[in-house]
Amino acid sequence: MQDREAPTARMRDRQLALLGFDFVLDMAGDGIPGLKPLESLLMMAVNQANIAPLTRDPAVRARHGALETPAPDDLRRPVSIRAVAASMRMPYETARRNIRRLESHGVCVTSDSGVVVPASFMLTEAYFEAARLGHERLLTLYRVLRARQLLEPLPAPNYEESEPPVRAAVRLMSDFLLRSADAVVGRTGDLVSGLVILPLLTAAAAAEEARPIPFSAAALARRTHLPAETVRRHVVTLVERGLCVSGPGGLRLADPALATPAWRGLMHENAVAVQRLYAGLAERGVVAVWERMAGMDAAPSAQGAA
């Protein structure tokens, strides 16, 4: 069977938007058992800030790549609630309120120095379940991207792994989720509105030249795992801002063809973010393990393509 024809740049960006934003919705909505989408993303933001200095050290990256070996608390750098709020482009009080809820679940610990996601949470069954699910979804998405020829050549691995370094893969995935969320917030103004509009974006990306199927507010609530009243409130704002339109069949993007510079730019940013995610996974040795375990031929590398 011959490989399908490689997509054009425009088709590639739209397909990556569809796949990448569906991935974001899946992981934000049910990525961490017991946490709401906003809480899951906040936990990721806090944890990524905590471990940011460690990820620059190859030896530390290798030592704490496995699921059972999170970085200990004394190596985690606390981050202020104000810094977390700024990084997520949300009001300070919203971040503080949600972080307090995370504290009540044992997900975060706050001190005078700031907020930390402790190693004790990273060793819970709930986190293990989330990490395994995220890793499985990364692999599934990789197979789809490779089959559709959507990925550019990937770098050679700098680490040799006998098994997938799941925790390291989840760190890279968290970077991607937060980067994608930030790009959407830049177009919608706040994180919840960004989550609400994502299903409309994926519907538009999937429709190609056809008119995308509209969403009811109830369907948006189910897809985003957000409360129905929260979705209705943000839909009103999105309609008032001219980003969505409401009709007899439900809601759709005001620009269903994704023709404006703002949406075209978002599609391209998403394509770059997905490529960066899998380049990082390849460099970390994750992709090589996937291919070896599945008996797949090695994907083209940047070195081989040069």
Protein backbone atom coordinates (compact mmCIF):
# COMPACT_ATOMS: atom_id res chain seq x y z
CA MET A 1 0.00 0.00 0.00
CA GLN A 2 1.40 3.39 -0.97
CA ASP A 3 1.70 6.18 1.58
CA ARG A 4 -0.99 8.81 1.25
CA GLU A 5 0.02 12.07 -0.36
CA ALA A 6 1.68 14.49 2.05
CA PRO A 7 -0.68 17.32 3.01
CA THR A 8 -0.21 20.92 1.95
CA ALA A 9 0.87 23.45 4.59
CA ARG A 10 -2.69 24.72 4.98
CA MET A 11 -4.15 21.21 5.24
CA ARG A 12 -1.40 20.26 7.67
CA ASP A 13 -2.12 23.18 9.98
CA ARG A 14 -5.86 22.41 9.99
CA GLN A 15 -5.34 18.71 10.64
CA LEU A 16 -2.89 19.42 13.43
CA ALA A 17 -5.33 21.91 14.94
CA LEU A 18 -8.08 19.30 14.93
CA LEU A 19 -5.87 16.62 16.48
CA GLY A 20 -3.94 18.89 18.83
CA PHE A 21 -6.92 20.75 20.26
CA ASP A 22 -8.88 17.53 20.69
CA PHE A 23 -5.90 16.28 22.68
CA VAL A 24 -5.95 19.42 24.84
CA LEU A 25 -9.67 19.00 25.54
CA ASP A 26 -9.24 15.33 26.44
CA MET A 27 -6.37 15.95 28.84
CA ALA A 28 -7.85 19.08 30.45
CA GLY A 29 -11.25 17.46 30.83
CA ASP A 30 -10.39 14.08 32.28
CA GLY A 31 -6.62 14.05 32.53
CA ILE A 32 -6.41 13.94 36.34
CA PRO A 33 -9.12 12.03 38.21
CA GLY A 34 -11.07 14.20 40.63
CA LEU A 35 -9.87 17.53 39.24
CA LYS A 36 -11.81 20.04 37.15
CA PRO A 37 -10.27 21.25 33.85
CA LEU A 38 -9.10 24.56 35.30
CA GLU A 39 -7.64 22.79 38.34
CA SER A 40 -5.79 20.28 36.14
CA LEU A 41 -4.20 23.04 34.08
CA LEU A 42 -3.27 25.01 37.20
CA MET A 43 -1.65 21.92 38.72
CA MET A 44 0.39 21.49 35.53
CA ALA A 45 1.42 25.16 35.59
CA VAL A 46 2.54 24.96 39.23
CA ASN A 47 4.42 21.69 38.71
CA GLN A 48 6.15 22.90 35.54
CA ALA A 49 7.32 26.01 37.41
CA ASN A 50 8.50 23.86 40.34
CA ILE A 51 10.68 21.63 38.17
CA ALA A 52 11.77 24.15 35.52
CA PRO A 53 15.36 24.46 36.86
CA LEU A 54 15.72 20.67 36.96
CA THR A 55 14.78 20.12 33.33
CA ARG A 56 17.90 22.00 32.21
CA ASP A 57 20.18 19.34 33.75
CA PRO A 58 20.46 16.19 31.59
CA ALA A 59 21.55 14.06 34.56
CA VAL A 60 18.52 15.14 36.61
CA ARG A 61 16.24 14.62 33.62
CA ALA A 62 17.51 11.06 33.30
CA ARG A 63 17.24 10.39 37.04
CA HIS A 64 13.63 11.56 37.31
CA GLY A 65 12.17 10.38 34.02
CA ALA A 66 10.43 7.26 35.31
CA LEU A 67 6.96 7.29 36.80
CA GLU A 68 8.19 6.02 40.17
CA THR A 69 10.95 8.63 40.55
CA PRO A 70 9.54 12.17 40.82
CA ALA A 71 11.87 14.97 41.82
CA PRO A 72 11.95 15.28 45.64
CA ASP A 73 10.48 18.28 47.39
CA ASP A 74 13.85 19.80 48.28
CA LEU A 75 14.62 20.14 44.55
CA ARG A 76 11.28 21.73 43.67
CA ARG A 77 11.26 25.53 43.35
CA PRO A 78 8.15 27.16 44.89
CA VAL A 79 6.22 29.57 42.66
CA SER A 80 4.03 32.45 43.79
CA ILE A 81 0.30 32.40 43.14
CA ARG A 82 0.68 35.75 41.40
CA ALA A 83 3.24 34.27 39.00
CA VAL A 84 0.96 31.30 38.28
CA ALA A 85 -1.98 33.64 37.63
CA ALA A 86 0.14 35.71 35.24
CA SER A 87 1.38 32.65 33.38
CA MET A 88 -2.22 31.45 32.91
CA ARG A 89 -3.54 34.96 32.11
CA MET A 90 -6.18 34.70 34.80
CA PRO A 91 -7.19 36.99 37.68
CA TYR A 92 -5.16 36.53 40.83
CA GLU A 93 -8.26 35.74 42.89
CA THR A 94 -9.34 33.02 40.45
CA ALA A 95 -5.92 31.38 40.68
CA ARG A 96 -5.82 31.71 44.48
CA ARG A 97 -9.29 30.20 44.88
CA ASN A 98 -8.51 27.23 42.66
CA ILE A 99 -5.13 26.62 44.27
CA ARG A 100 -6.82 26.57 47.68
CA ARG A 101 -9.10 23.82 46.35
CA LEU A 102 -6.06 21.93 45.09
CA GLU A 103 -4.57 22.21 48.56
CA SER A 104 -7.68 20.63 50.05
CA HIS A 105 -7.16 17.64 47.72
CA GLY A 106 -3.49 17.30 48.65
CA VAL A 107 -2.39 18.36 45.17
CA CYS A 108 -0.56 21.53 46.27
CA VAL A 109 1.21 22.80 49.37
CA THR A 110 1.52 26.54 50.02
CA SER A 111 4.11 28.20 52.21
CA ASP A 112 5.58 31.68 52.57
CA SER A 113 7.92 30.76 49.69
CA GLY A 114 5.11 29.89 47.30
CA VAL A 115 3.19 26.90 45.96
CA VAL A 116 4.58 23.42 45.29
CA VAL A 117 3.08 20.23 43.90
CA PRO A 118 4.71 17.81 46.37
CA ALA A 119 6.34 14.53 45.42
CA SER A 120 3.76 12.78 47.59
CA PHE A 121 1.02 13.73 45.09
CA MET A 122 3.18 12.67 42.16
CA LEU A 123 3.26 9.19 43.71
CA THR A 124 -0.49 8.81 44.16
CA GLU A 125 -2.51 6.34 42.12
CA ALA A 126 -4.58 9.23 40.75
CA TYR A 127 -1.47 10.85 39.27
CA PHE A 128 -0.14 7.50 38.02
CA GLU A 129 -3.45 6.92 36.25
CA ALA A 130 -3.31 10.39 34.69
CA ALA A 131 0.32 9.93 33.60
CA ARG A 132 -0.35 6.54 32.03
CA LEU A 133 -3.41 7.90 30.23
CA GLY A 134 -1.47 10.91 28.96
CA HIS A 135 1.35 8.66 27.75
CA GLU A 136 -1.09 6.36 25.93
CA ARG A 137 -2.74 9.34 24.25
CA LEU A 138 0.65 10.72 23.19
CA LEU A 139 1.45 7.39 21.56
CA THR A 140 -1.95 7.19 19.86
CA LEU A 141 -1.58 10.73 18.52
CA TYR A 142 1.95 9.94 17.31
CA ARG A 143 0.67 6.99 15.30
CA VAL A 144 -2.02 9.14 13.68
CA LEU A 145 0.40 11.98 12.92
CA ARG A 146 2.91 9.60 11.39
CA ALA A 147 0.29 7.77 9.31
CA ARG A 148 -0.95 11.09 7.92
CA GLN A 149 2.59 12.39 7.30
CA LEU A 150 1.96 15.43 9.45
CA LEU A 151 5.26 15.37 11.37
CA GLU A 152 8.49 16.84 10.10
CA PRO A 153 11.69 14.79 10.61
CA LEU A 154 12.44 14.27 14.30
CA PRO A 155 15.81 14.60 16.08
CA ALA A 156 17.83 11.57 17.10
CA PRO A 157 17.50 10.51 20.76
CA ASN A 158 19.99 11.80 23.31
CA TYR A 159 18.91 9.17 25.86
CA GLU A 160 18.78 5.40 25.53
CA GLU A 161 15.77 3.97 27.33
CA SER A 162 14.67 0.36 27.72
CA GLU A 163 11.14 1.43 28.68
CA PRO A 164 9.25 4.66 27.99
CA PRO A 165 10.20 7.39 30.51
CA VAL A 166 6.56 8.14 31.26
CA ARG A 167 7.12 10.98 33.71
CA ALA A 168 9.49 12.72 31.30
CA ALA A 169 6.94 12.31 28.50
CA VAL A 170 4.22 13.83 30.69
CA ARG A 171 6.41 16.85 31.46
CA LEU A 172 6.75 17.55 27.74
CA MET A 173 3.03 16.96 27.28
CA SER A 174 2.27 19.47 30.06
CA ASP A 175 4.42 22.08 28.31
CA PHE A 176 2.41 21.50 25.13
CA LEU A 177 -0.95 21.72 26.91
CA LEU A 178 -0.03 24.96 28.66
CA ARG A 179 1.41 26.47 25.47
CA SER A 180 -1.73 25.54 23.52
CA ALA A 181 -3.99 26.95 26.23
CA ASP A 182 -2.02 30.19 26.27
CA ALA A 183 -2.33 30.57 22.49
CA VAL A 184 -6.12 30.16 22.63
CA VAL A 185 -6.42 32.52 25.62
CA GLY A 186 -4.58 35.11 23.54
CA ARG A 187 -7.51 35.03 21.09
CA THR A 188 -10.39 34.67 23.55
CA GLY A 189 -9.27 36.68 26.58
CA ASP A 190 -9.55 34.05 29.33
CA LEU A 191 -8.89 30.37 29.90
CA VAL A 192 -12.48 29.16 30.33
CA SER A 193 -13.60 30.95 27.17
CA GLY A 194 -10.64 29.35 25.42
CA LEU A 195 -11.75 25.88 26.52
CA VAL A 196 -15.34 26.61 25.45
CA ILE A 197 -14.32 27.70 21.97
CA LEU A 198 -11.99 24.75 21.33
CA PRO A 199 -14.75 22.33 20.19
CA LEU A 200 -15.94 24.99 17.74
CA LEU A 201 -12.39 25.36 16.43
CA THR A 202 -11.97 21.61 15.96
CA ALA A 203 -15.34 21.42 14.23
CA ALA A 204 -14.25 24.16 11.82
CA ALA A 205 -10.89 22.48 11.23
CA ALA A 206 -12.59 19.13 10.53
CA ALA A 207 -15.16 20.60 8.15
CA GLU A 208 -12.60 21.73 5.54
CA GLU A 209 -14.75 23.38 2.84
CA ALA A 210 -18.11 22.32 4.34
CA ARG A 211 -20.08 24.24 6.94
CA PRO A 212 -19.11 22.97 10.41
CA ILE A 213 -21.73 21.26 12.54
CA PRO A 214 -22.88 23.65 15.31
CA PHE A 215 -22.70 22.80 19.01
CA SER A 216 -25.42 23.27 21.60
CA ALA A 217 -24.36 24.75 24.93
CA ALA A 218 -25.11 21.39 26.54
CA ALA A 219 -22.84 19.61 24.04
CA LEU A 220 -20.08 22.13 24.74
CA ALA A 221 -20.44 21.47 28.47
CA ARG A 222 -20.12 17.72 27.91
CA ARG A 223 -17.08 18.07 25.64
CA THR A 224 -15.23 20.49 27.92
CA HIS A 225 -16.29 18.89 31.24
CA LEU A 226 -17.27 22.37 32.43
CA PRO A 227 -20.49 23.18 34.34
CA ALA A 228 -23.38 24.00 32.00
CA GLU A 229 -23.98 27.40 33.60
CA THR A 230 -20.29 28.30 33.24
CA VAL A 231 -20.43 27.39 29.56
CA ARG A 232 -23.60 29.41 28.96
CA ARG A 233 -22.08 32.47 30.63
CA HIS A 234 -18.92 32.32 28.54
CA VAL A 235 -20.83 31.60 25.35
CA VAL A 236 -22.70 34.87 25.85
CA THR A 237 -19.37 36.68 26.12
CA LEU A 238 -17.94 34.95 23.04
CA VAL A 239 -21.04 35.88 21.01
CA GLU A 240 -20.92 39.49 22.24
CA ARG A 241 -17.27 39.70 21.20
CA GLY A 242 -18.12 38.42 17.73
CA LEU A 243 -16.09 35.22 18.02
CA CYS A 244 -19.12 32.91 17.90
CA VAL A 245 -22.57 33.09 16.38
CA SER A 246 -25.72 31.47 17.68
CA GLY A 247 -28.34 30.03 15.35
CA PRO A 248 -31.22 27.55 15.35
CA GLY A 249 -28.83 24.58 15.28
CA GLY A 250 -26.57 25.89 18.02
CA LEU A 251 -23.23 27.68 18.17
CA ARG A 252 -20.44 27.85 15.66
CA LEU A 253 -17.33 29.88 15.08
CA ALA A 254 -18.07 33.27 13.53
CA ASP A 255 -15.27 32.52 11.06
CA PRO A 256 -16.07 28.89 10.14
CA ALA A 257 -13.49 28.89 7.34
CA LEU A 258 -10.72 29.92 9.77
CA ALA A 259 -9.80 32.57 7.23
CA THR A 260 -8.89 35.53 9.46
CA PRO A 261 -5.25 36.14 10.39
CA ALA A 262 -5.99 35.44 14.07
CA TRP A 263 -7.27 31.91 13.44
CA ARG A 264 -4.80 31.13 10.66
CA GLY A 265 -2.05 32.20 13.03
CA LEU A 266 -3.45 29.97 15.78
CA MET A 267 -3.56 26.99 13.43
CA HIS A 268 0.08 27.53 12.52
CA GLU A 269 1.13 28.04 16.15
CA ASN A 270 -0.55 24.77 17.00
CA ALA A 271 1.28 22.99 14.18
CA VAL A 272 4.59 24.31 15.51
CA ALA A 273 3.67 23.31 19.09
CA VAL A 274 2.78 19.74 18.08
CA GLN A 275 6.03 19.40 16.14
CA ARG A 276 7.96 20.76 19.11
CA LEU A 277 6.23 18.28 21.42
CA TYR A 278 7.23 15.26 19.35
CA ALA A 279 10.71 16.61 18.69
CA GLY A 280 11.14 16.80 22.47
CA LEU A 281 9.78 13.28 22.89
CA ALA A 282 12.17 12.03 20.22
CA GLU A 283 15.15 13.78 21.82
CA ARG A 284 14.22 12.30 25.21
CA GLY A 285 14.20 8.78 23.76
CA VAL A 286 10.44 8.25 24.05
CA VAL A 287 9.73 7.88 20.33
CA ALA A 288 12.57 5.37 19.86
CA VAL A 289 11.11 3.15 22.60
CA TRP A 290 7.64 3.36 21.05
CA GLU A 291 8.99 2.30 17.68
CA ARG A 292 11.10 -0.50 19.10
CA MET A 293 8.28 -1.91 21.24
CA ALA A 294 5.82 -1.80 18.34
CA GLY A 295 8.26 -3.12 15.76
CA MET A 296 7.83 0.06 13.73
CA ASP A 297 10.37 1.29 11.21
CA ALA A 298 12.21 4.30 12.57
CA ALA A 299 10.63 7.60 11.66
CA PRO A 300 12.71 9.92 9.45
CA SER A 301 15.12 11.93 11.57
CA ALA A 302 16.27 15.49 11.11
CA GLN A 303 19.82 14.19 10.87
CA GLY A 304 18.86 11.67 8.17
CA ALA A 305 16.95 14.30 6.23
CA ALA A 306 19.83 16.76 6.22
